Amino acid sequence: MPALETIKKLREETGAGMGDINRALEEANGDEIKALEILRKSGQKIMAKKADRLTKEGIVEAYLHSNARVGVLVLIACETDFVARNESFKEFAHEVALQVAATNPAYLAPEEIPAEVIEKEKEIYRAQLADSGKPTEMIEKIVEGKLDKFYAEVCLLNQTYIKDDSLTIAKLLEANIAKIGENIKIVKFVRMSIG
């Protein structure tokens, strides 16, 4: 039988139920890292099932940095008022607000970036590689890789979570959907700063 500390740790990280954690640990032959991977994959399946459900409730989370020079508002939506009042949901909203304050993303997701901005970035990357002597198809792969790095800088969902560099904000969102059991969406955010 798995150690109670391991079960507790996995429950805190994923929000999965005891039965799911025991099954994952059994499937992973007691390997905590493999069990976490199994639980995260099942969380992605849960997220996919819930993605089409309406999110008509939620909260607006406000964060004001201690020096009062940076302020953030984030709108996080969920399915029910019950979840909107849930501490885990509020904690997630707060973490998103902290992320926005710390990293100042310009967009929520790559789909929101205007096509001309993406084309301009590609143009810059191609110009940087023009004299490299590399074949065109290799240059295009490098450009796509640089574009992924650009998304990780300017898109909130693609950013590395400031408190755990093994997660992106999209993965943190997935984990919270699995943990809370409802569809959750980061709808919009605003960051204001002085200077």
C-alpha atoms as a PDB file:
ATOM      1  CA  MET A   1       0.000   0.000   0.000  1.00  0.00           C
ATOM      2  CA  PRO A   2       1.344   3.462  -0.955  1.00  0.00           C
ATOM      3  CA  ALA A   3       2.704   5.707   1.768  1.00  0.00           C
ATOM      4  CA  LEU A   4       0.236   8.212   3.168  1.00  0.00           C
ATOM      5  CA  GLU A   5       2.712  11.073   2.555  1.00  0.00           C
ATOM      6  CA  THR A   6       2.905  10.160  -1.154  1.00  0.00           C
ATOM      7  CA  ILE A   7      -0.880  10.072  -1.478  1.00  0.00           C
ATOM      8  CA  LYS A   8      -1.233  13.378   0.346  1.00  0.00           C
ATOM      9  CA  LYS A   9       1.434  15.019  -1.841  1.00  0.00           C
ATOM     10  CA  LEU A  10      -0.173  13.788  -5.071  1.00  0.00           C
ATOM     11  CA  ARG A  11      -3.590  14.919  -3.855  1.00  0.00           C
ATOM     12  CA  GLU A  12      -2.259  18.432  -3.149  1.00  0.00           C
ATOM     13  CA  GLU A  13      -0.529  18.627  -6.539  1.00  0.00           C
ATOM     14  CA  THR A  14      -3.379  17.309  -8.663  1.00  0.00           C
ATOM     15  CA  GLY A  15      -6.587  17.564  -6.656  1.00  0.00           C
ATOM     16  CA  ALA A  16      -7.368  13.986  -7.720  1.00  0.00           C
ATOM     17  CA  GLY A  17      -9.461  11.722  -5.529  1.00  0.00           C
ATOM     18  CA  MET A  18      -7.946   9.034  -3.294  1.00  0.00           C
ATOM     19  CA  GLY A  19      -9.165   6.222  -5.555  1.00  0.00           C
ATOM     20  CA  ASP A  20      -7.633   7.847  -8.650  1.00  0.00           C
ATOM     21  CA  ILE A  21      -4.340   8.371  -6.828  1.00  0.00           C
ATOM     22  CA  ASN A  22      -4.230   4.755  -5.632  1.00  0.00           C
ATOM     23  CA  ARG A  23      -4.990   3.498  -9.172  1.00  0.00           C
ATOM     24  CA  ALA A  24      -2.273   5.761 -10.622  1.00  0.00           C
ATOM     25  CA  LEU A  25       0.277   4.591  -8.043  1.00  0.00           C
ATOM     26  CA  GLU A  26      -0.672   0.972  -8.727  1.00  0.00           C
ATOM     27  CA  GLU A  27      -0.321   1.493 -12.487  1.00  0.00           C
ATOM     28  CA  ALA A  28       3.051   3.215 -11.916  1.00  0.00           C
ATOM     29  CA  ASN A  29       4.251   0.436  -9.559  1.00  0.00           C
ATOM     30  CA  GLY A  30       4.581   2.950  -6.731  1.00  0.00           C
ATOM     31  CA  ASP A  31       6.679   5.426  -8.753  1.00  0.00           C
ATOM     32  CA  GLU A  32       5.511   8.868  -7.630  1.00  0.00           C
ATOM     33  CA  ILE A  33       6.711  10.696 -10.765  1.00  0.00           C
ATOM     34  CA  LYS A  34       5.008   8.217 -13.131  1.00  0.00           C
ATOM     35  CA  ALA A  35       1.843   8.371 -11.016  1.00  0.00           C
ATOM     36  CA  LEU A  36       1.861  12.173 -11.258  1.00  0.00           C
ATOM     37  CA  GLU A  37       2.192  11.891 -15.044  1.00  0.00           C
ATOM     38  CA  ILE A  38      -0.742   9.444 -15.176  1.00  0.00           C
ATOM     39  CA  LEU A  39      -2.862  11.778 -13.034  1.00  0.00           C
ATOM     40  CA  ARG A  40      -1.975  14.795 -15.198  1.00  0.00           C
ATOM     41  CA  LYS A  41      -2.912  12.884 -18.360  1.00  0.00           C
ATOM     42  CA  SER A  42      -6.264  11.958 -16.841  1.00  0.00           C
ATOM     43  CA  GLY A  43      -6.642  15.645 -15.925  1.00  0.00           C
ATOM     44  CA  GLN A  44      -6.199  16.544 -19.602  1.00  0.00           C
ATOM     45  CA  LYS A  45      -8.943  14.073 -20.522  1.00  0.00           C
ATOM     46  CA  ILE A  46     -11.220  15.648 -17.917  1.00  0.00           C
ATOM     47  CA  MET A  47     -10.433  19.092 -19.304  1.00  0.00           C
ATOM     48  CA  ALA A  48     -11.265  17.995 -22.858  1.00  0.00           C
ATOM     49  CA  LYS A  49     -14.642  16.611 -21.691  1.00  0.00           C
ATOM     50  CA  LYS A  50     -15.483  19.838 -19.839  1.00  0.00           C
ATOM     51  CA  ALA A  51     -14.204  22.300 -22.469  1.00  0.00           C
ATOM     52  CA  ASP A  52     -17.596  22.794 -24.149  1.00  0.00           C
ATOM     53  CA  ARG A  53     -19.519  23.439 -20.936  1.00  0.00           C
ATOM     54  CA  LEU A  54     -20.681  27.028 -20.379  1.00  0.00           C
ATOM     55  CA  THR A  55     -18.842  29.237 -17.932  1.00  0.00           C
ATOM     56  CA  LYS A  56     -21.406  31.816 -16.755  1.00  0.00           C
ATOM     57  CA  GLU A  57     -20.082  32.379 -13.229  1.00  0.00           C
ATOM     58  CA  GLY A  58     -16.695  33.348 -11.856  1.00  0.00           C
ATOM     59  CA  ILE A  59     -14.771  36.096 -10.144  1.00  0.00           C
ATOM     60  CA  VAL A  60     -12.681  39.147 -10.818  1.00  0.00           C
ATOM     61  CA  GLU A  61      -9.477  38.856  -8.809  1.00  0.00           C
ATOM     62  CA  ALA A  62      -7.544  42.017  -7.963  1.00  0.00           C
ATOM     63  CA  TYR A  63      -3.883  42.085  -7.021  1.00  0.00           C
ATOM     64  CA  LEU A  64      -2.023  45.205  -5.899  1.00  0.00           C
ATOM     65  CA  HIS A  65       1.735  44.853  -5.441  1.00  0.00           C
ATOM     66  CA  SER A  66       3.117  45.948  -2.056  1.00  0.00           C
ATOM     67  CA  ASN A  67       4.707  49.084  -3.500  1.00  0.00           C
ATOM     68  CA  ALA A  68       1.338  50.104  -5.053  1.00  0.00           C
ATOM     69  CA  ARG A  69       3.058  50.584  -8.417  1.00  0.00           C
ATOM     70  CA  VAL A  70       1.625  47.468 -10.119  1.00  0.00           C
ATOM     71  CA  GLY A  71      -2.005  46.391 -10.122  1.00  0.00           C
ATOM     72  CA  VAL A  72      -3.748  43.519 -11.887  1.00  0.00           C
ATOM     73  CA  LEU A  73      -7.345  42.497 -12.550  1.00  0.00           C
ATOM     74  CA  VAL A  74      -8.121  39.024 -13.919  1.00  0.00           C
ATOM     75  CA  LEU A  75     -11.505  37.625 -14.890  1.00  0.00           C
ATOM     76  CA  ILE A  76     -11.709  33.875 -14.302  1.00  0.00           C
ATOM     77  CA  ALA A  77     -14.940  32.112 -15.305  1.00  0.00           C
ATOM     78  CA  CYS A  78     -16.411  28.823 -14.087  1.00  0.00           C
ATOM     79  CA  GLU A  79     -19.697  26.957 -14.434  1.00  0.00           C
ATOM     80  CA  THR A  80     -21.328  27.493 -11.051  1.00  0.00           C
ATOM     81  CA  ASP A  81     -21.553  30.065  -8.288  1.00  0.00           C
ATOM     82  CA  PHE A  82     -20.628  27.294  -5.839  1.00  0.00           C
ATOM     83  CA  VAL A  83     -17.206  26.903  -7.479  1.00  0.00           C
ATOM     84  CA  ALA A  84     -16.750  30.688  -7.791  1.00  0.00           C
ATOM     85  CA  ARG A  85     -16.882  30.815  -3.972  1.00  0.00           C
ATOM     86  CA  ASN A  86     -14.563  27.796  -3.575  1.00  0.00           C
ATOM     87  CA  GLU A  87     -11.164  28.525  -1.943  1.00  0.00           C
ATOM     88  CA  SER A  88      -9.239  26.468  -4.527  1.00  0.00           C
ATOM     89  CA  PHE A  89     -10.823  28.464  -7.344  1.00  0.00           C
ATOM     90  CA  LYS A  90     -10.033  31.768  -5.615  1.00  0.00           C
ATOM     91  CA  GLU A  91      -6.468  30.619  -4.994  1.00  0.00           C
ATOM     92  CA  PHE A  92      -6.085  29.776  -8.695  1.00  0.00           C
ATOM     93  CA  ALA A  93      -7.393  33.230  -9.655  1.00  0.00           C
ATOM     94  CA  HIS A  94      -4.896  34.820  -7.267  1.00  0.00           C
ATOM     95  CA  GLU A  95      -2.022  32.795  -8.756  1.00  0.00           C
ATOM     96  CA  VAL A  96      -3.009  33.955 -12.250  1.00  0.00           C
ATOM     97  CA  ALA A  97      -3.064  37.579 -11.042  1.00  0.00           C
ATOM     98  CA  LEU A  98       0.421  37.155  -9.521  1.00  0.00           C
ATOM     99  CA  GLN A  99       1.667  35.682 -12.801  1.00  0.00           C
ATOM    100  CA  VAL A 100       0.319  38.650 -14.768  1.00  0.00           C
ATOM    101  CA  ALA A 101       1.883  41.102 -12.300  1.00  0.00           C
ATOM    102  CA  ALA A 102       5.274  39.389 -12.508  1.00  0.00           C
ATOM    103  CA  THR A 103       5.495  38.684 -16.235  1.00  0.00           C
ATOM    104  CA  ASN A 104       3.331  41.322 -17.951  1.00  0.00           C
ATOM    105  CA  PRO A 105       1.988  39.162 -20.818  1.00  0.00           C
ATOM    106  CA  ALA A 106       0.580  40.994 -23.827  1.00  0.00           C
ATOM    107  CA  TYR A 107      -1.916  38.302 -24.869  1.00  0.00           C
ATOM    108  CA  LEU A 108      -3.856  35.431 -23.333  1.00  0.00           C
ATOM    109  CA  ALA A 109      -3.037  32.885 -26.073  1.00  0.00           C
ATOM    110  CA  PRO A 110      -1.243  32.752 -29.459  1.00  0.00           C
ATOM    111  CA  GLU A 111      -4.615  32.870 -31.247  1.00  0.00           C
ATOM    112  CA  GLU A 112      -5.059  36.446 -29.968  1.00  0.00           C
ATOM    113  CA  ILE A 113      -1.841  37.739 -31.533  1.00  0.00           C
ATOM    114  CA  PRO A 114      -2.580  39.711 -34.719  1.00  0.00           C
ATOM    115  CA  ALA A 115      -1.307  37.955 -37.866  1.00  0.00           C
ATOM    116  CA  GLU A 116       0.854  40.964 -38.784  1.00  0.00           C
ATOM    117  CA  VAL A 117       2.685  40.747 -35.435  1.00  0.00           C
ATOM    118  CA  ILE A 118       3.445  37.060 -36.026  1.00  0.00           C
ATOM    119  CA  GLU A 119       4.582  37.741 -39.591  1.00  0.00           C
ATOM    120  CA  LYS A 120       6.853  40.560 -38.386  1.00  0.00           C
ATOM    121  CA  GLU A 121       8.446  38.204 -35.822  1.00  0.00           C
ATOM    122  CA  LYS A 122       8.980  35.539 -38.510  1.00  0.00           C
ATOM    123  CA  GLU A 123      10.513  38.174 -40.778  1.00  0.00           C
ATOM    124  CA  ILE A 124      12.977  39.182 -38.030  1.00  0.00           C
ATOM    125  CA  TYR A 125      13.928  35.546 -37.330  1.00  0.00           C
ATOM    126  CA  ARG A 126      14.422  34.792 -41.035  1.00  0.00           C
ATOM    127  CA  ALA A 127      16.607  37.899 -41.415  1.00  0.00           C
ATOM    128  CA  GLN A 128      18.724  36.744 -38.439  1.00  0.00           C
ATOM    129  CA  LEU A 129      19.232  33.367 -40.146  1.00  0.00           C
ATOM    130  CA  ALA A 130      19.631  34.641 -43.723  1.00  0.00           C
ATOM    131  CA  ASP A 131      23.431  34.337 -43.796  1.00  0.00           C
ATOM    132  CA  SER A 132      23.565  31.064 -41.855  1.00  0.00           C
ATOM    133  CA  GLY A 133      23.825  28.887 -44.970  1.00  0.00           C
ATOM    134  CA  LYS A 134      21.196  26.531 -43.583  1.00  0.00           C
ATOM    135  CA  PRO A 135      18.612  24.939 -45.905  1.00  0.00           C
ATOM    136  CA  THR A 136      15.219  26.691 -46.129  1.00  0.00           C
ATOM    137  CA  GLU A 137      13.320  23.874 -44.393  1.00  0.00           C
ATOM    138  CA  MET A 138      15.764  23.969 -41.458  1.00  0.00           C
ATOM    139  CA  ILE A 139      15.423  27.753 -41.241  1.00  0.00           C
ATOM    140  CA  GLU A 140      11.629  27.375 -41.110  1.00  0.00           C
ATOM    141  CA  LYS A 141      11.917  24.846 -38.255  1.00  0.00           C
ATOM    142  CA  ILE A 142      14.196  27.232 -36.355  1.00  0.00           C
ATOM    143  CA  VAL A 143      11.731  30.082 -37.004  1.00  0.00           C
ATOM    144  CA  GLU A 144       8.895  27.942 -35.573  1.00  0.00           C
ATOM    145  CA  GLY A 145      11.033  27.181 -32.501  1.00  0.00           C
ATOM    146  CA  LYS A 146      11.784  30.879 -32.006  1.00  0.00           C
ATOM    147  CA  LEU A 147       8.070  31.623 -32.427  1.00  0.00           C
ATOM    148  CA  ASP A 148       7.267  29.126 -29.646  1.00  0.00           C
ATOM    149  CA  LYS A 149       9.730  30.983 -27.390  1.00  0.00           C
ATOM    150  CA  PHE A 150       8.052  34.273 -28.364  1.00  0.00           C
ATOM    151  CA  TYR A 151       4.647  32.817 -27.371  1.00  0.00           C
ATOM    152  CA  ALA A 152       6.124  31.696 -24.037  1.00  0.00           C
ATOM    153  CA  GLU A 153       7.113  35.302 -23.358  1.00  0.00           C
ATOM    154  CA  VAL A 154       4.037  37.213 -24.529  1.00  0.00           C
ATOM    155  CA  CYS A 155       1.114  34.761 -24.050  1.00  0.00           C
ATOM    156  CA  LEU A 156      -0.127  34.115 -20.527  1.00  0.00           C
ATOM    157  CA  LEU A 157      -1.213  30.512 -21.199  1.00  0.00           C
ATOM    158  CA  ASN A 158       2.171  29.649 -22.724  1.00  0.00           C
ATOM    159  CA  GLN A 159       4.250  31.195 -19.951  1.00  0.00           C
ATOM    160  CA  THR A 160       6.158  29.122 -17.428  1.00  0.00           C
ATOM    161  CA  TYR A 161       4.423  29.345 -14.060  1.00  0.00           C
ATOM    162  CA  ILE A 162       6.527  31.594 -11.787  1.00  0.00           C
ATOM    163  CA  LYS A 163       6.164  29.259  -8.798  1.00  0.00           C
ATOM    164  CA  ASP A 164       6.862  25.961 -10.598  1.00  0.00           C
ATOM    165  CA  ASP A 165       8.941  25.942 -13.775  1.00  0.00           C
ATOM    166  CA  SER A 166       7.735  22.444 -14.653  1.00  0.00           C
ATOM    167  CA  LEU A 167       4.297  23.931 -15.424  1.00  0.00           C
ATOM    168  CA  THR A 168       2.918  26.437 -17.883  1.00  0.00           C
ATOM    169  CA  ILE A 169      -0.156  28.472 -17.006  1.00  0.00           C
ATOM    170  CA  ALA A 170      -2.133  26.259 -19.434  1.00  0.00           C
ATOM    171  CA  LYS A 171      -1.007  23.164 -17.455  1.00  0.00           C
ATOM    172  CA  LEU A 172      -1.876  24.903 -14.181  1.00  0.00           C
ATOM    173  CA  LEU A 173      -5.330  25.632 -15.627  1.00  0.00           C
ATOM    174  CA  GLU A 174      -5.713  21.958 -16.650  1.00  0.00           C
ATOM    175  CA  ALA A 175      -4.722  20.813 -13.168  1.00  0.00           C
ATOM    176  CA  ASN A 176      -7.289  23.128 -11.597  1.00  0.00           C
ATOM    177  CA  ILE A 177     -10.037  21.970 -13.946  1.00  0.00           C
ATOM    178  CA  ALA A 178      -9.269  18.390 -12.899  1.00  0.00           C
ATOM    179  CA  LYS A 179      -9.020  19.347  -9.226  1.00  0.00           C
ATOM    180  CA  ILE A 180     -12.183  21.472  -9.083  1.00  0.00           C
ATOM    181  CA  GLY A 181     -14.212  19.391 -11.515  1.00  0.00           C
ATOM    182  CA  GLU A 182     -15.634  22.200 -13.637  1.00  0.00           C
ATOM    183  CA  ASN A 183     -14.727  24.009 -16.807  1.00  0.00           C
ATOM    184  CA  ILE A 184     -12.637  27.063 -15.922  1.00  0.00           C
ATOM    185  CA  LYS A 185     -11.500  29.792 -18.294  1.00  0.00           C
ATOM    186  CA  ILE A 186      -9.153  32.699 -17.951  1.00  0.00           C
ATOM    187  CA  VAL A 187     -11.283  35.235 -19.800  1.00  0.00           C
ATOM    188  CA  LYS A 188      -9.194  38.411 -19.667  1.00  0.00           C
ATOM    189  CA  PHE A 189      -6.657  40.340 -17.671  1.00  0.00           C
ATOM    190  CA  VAL A 190      -5.442  43.907 -17.275  1.00  0.00           C
ATOM    191  CA  ARG A 191      -2.102  44.957 -15.789  1.00  0.00           C
ATOM    192  CA  MET A 192      -1.428  48.551 -14.849  1.00  0.00           C
ATOM    193  CA  SER A 193       1.881  49.963 -13.666  1.00  0.00           C
ATOM    194  CA  ILE A 194       3.582  53.240 -12.899  1.00  0.00           C
ATOM    195  CA  GLY A 195       6.871  53.975 -14.600  1.00  0.00           C
END
